[in-house]
Amino acid sequence: MSLPIRKWQGYLQARVVDKPPQALQYEPHSGKTIDTKLIQPNPADFSRYEAREVVYRSADGTMVPLSIICPRNIELNGTHQPFSLVTEHTGSP
């Protein structure tokens, strides 16, 4: 007796710094993901902001990635306060 082989089908949640979260459904037959619309978009308007990815040198010389969330077209010269700073630790403690 042979049973049909089923490919894995599942759900996942996607989060990106400058986009609203999504609940996605994976369709194994097509290999595509579909937005299930289970997570409602935030009514706040974030179109005035952007996420900038930069790298800076720490006190010990290690290069550290940093995400800066700030208004679009702002000059990063130290005179403006960003909306958010997020460091991305990628190494061992």
Protein backbone atom coordinates (compact mmCIF):
# COMPACT_ATOMS: atom_id res chain seq x y z
CA MET A 1 0.00 0.00 0.00
CA SER A 2 1.46 3.38 -0.93
CA LEU A 3 0.42 6.59 0.72
CA PRO A 4 0.50 9.96 -1.05
CA ILE A 5 3.49 12.09 -0.14
CA ARG A 6 2.39 15.44 1.23
CA LYS A 7 4.63 18.43 1.06
CA TRP A 8 4.84 20.64 4.12
CA GLN A 9 2.34 23.47 4.25
CA GLY A 10 2.60 26.04 6.98
CA TYR A 11 2.20 29.55 8.24
CA LEU A 12 4.82 32.08 9.24
CA GLN A 13 4.94 35.63 10.45
CA ALA A 14 7.12 38.15 8.64
CA ARG A 15 8.47 41.31 10.26
CA VAL A 16 10.59 43.91 8.50
CA VAL A 17 11.81 47.16 10.07
CA ASP A 18 10.04 49.49 7.65
CA LYS A 19 6.98 47.39 6.69
CA PRO A 20 3.97 46.20 8.71
CA PRO A 21 4.02 42.57 9.98
CA GLN A 22 2.30 39.90 7.88
CA ALA A 23 0.95 36.39 8.56
CA LEU A 24 1.93 34.37 5.50
CA GLN A 25 0.74 30.98 4.27
CA TYR A 26 3.26 28.83 2.42
CA GLU A 27 1.84 26.93 -0.57
CA PRO A 28 4.17 23.97 -1.32
CA HIS A 29 2.74 23.22 -4.78
CA SER A 30 3.56 26.69 -6.12
CA GLY A 31 6.46 27.46 -3.75
CA LYS A 32 4.90 30.85 -3.01
CA THR A 33 3.72 32.63 0.11
CA ILE A 34 0.34 34.33 0.36
CA ASP A 35 -0.58 37.14 2.76
CA THR A 36 -3.46 35.75 4.87
CA LYS A 37 -4.54 39.26 5.98
CA LEU A 38 -4.80 37.91 9.57
CA ILE A 39 -2.69 40.80 10.87
CA GLN A 40 -4.41 44.11 10.30
CA PRO A 41 -2.14 46.97 9.19
CA ASN A 42 -1.35 49.66 11.71
CA PRO A 43 -3.41 52.78 10.95
CA ALA A 44 -0.40 55.01 11.69
CA ASP A 45 1.31 56.54 8.65
CA PHE A 46 5.02 55.71 8.65
CA SER A 47 5.64 56.82 5.06
CA ARG A 48 7.60 59.84 6.35
CA TYR A 49 10.23 57.52 7.92
CA GLU A 50 12.91 55.21 6.58
CA ALA A 51 15.33 52.64 7.97
CA ARG A 52 19.01 53.22 7.21
CA GLU A 53 21.55 50.47 7.70
CA VAL A 54 25.00 51.72 8.71
CA VAL A 55 28.12 50.27 10.36
CA TYR A 56 30.15 52.00 13.07
CA ARG A 57 33.38 51.19 14.88
CA SER A 58 33.05 50.30 18.58
CA ALA A 59 35.60 51.19 21.28
CA ASP A 60 37.50 47.91 20.72
CA GLY A 61 37.59 48.40 16.94
CA THR A 62 34.82 45.92 16.09
CA MET A 63 32.51 47.02 13.27
CA VAL A 64 28.92 46.98 14.56
CA PRO A 65 25.81 47.09 12.32
CA LEU A 66 23.22 49.70 13.29
CA SER A 67 19.70 50.39 12.01
CA ILE A 68 18.65 54.04 12.21
CA ILE A 69 14.95 54.79 11.87
CA CYS A 70 14.52 58.46 11.03
CA PRO A 71 12.50 60.88 8.91
CA ARG A 72 13.19 60.53 5.18
CA ASN A 73 15.75 62.90 3.64
CA ILE A 74 17.18 63.95 7.02
CA GLU A 75 20.88 64.71 7.17
CA LEU A 76 22.64 62.50 9.70
CA ASN A 77 25.11 65.07 11.00
CA GLY A 78 24.41 64.91 14.74
CA THR A 79 21.98 67.85 14.86
CA HIS A 80 18.79 65.74 14.48
CA GLN A 81 17.49 63.10 16.87
CA PRO A 82 16.58 59.79 15.16
CA PHE A 83 13.27 58.04 15.81
CA SER A 84 15.01 54.83 16.90
CA LEU A 85 18.46 53.18 16.99
CA VAL A 86 18.71 49.39 16.85
CA THR A 87 22.01 47.54 17.18
CA GLU A 88 22.37 44.06 15.73
CA HIS A 89 24.61 41.84 17.82
CA THR A 90 25.99 39.09 15.61
CA GLY A 91 28.95 37.72 17.58
CA SER A 92 29.71 35.96 20.82
CA PRO A 93 29.50 37.86 24.11
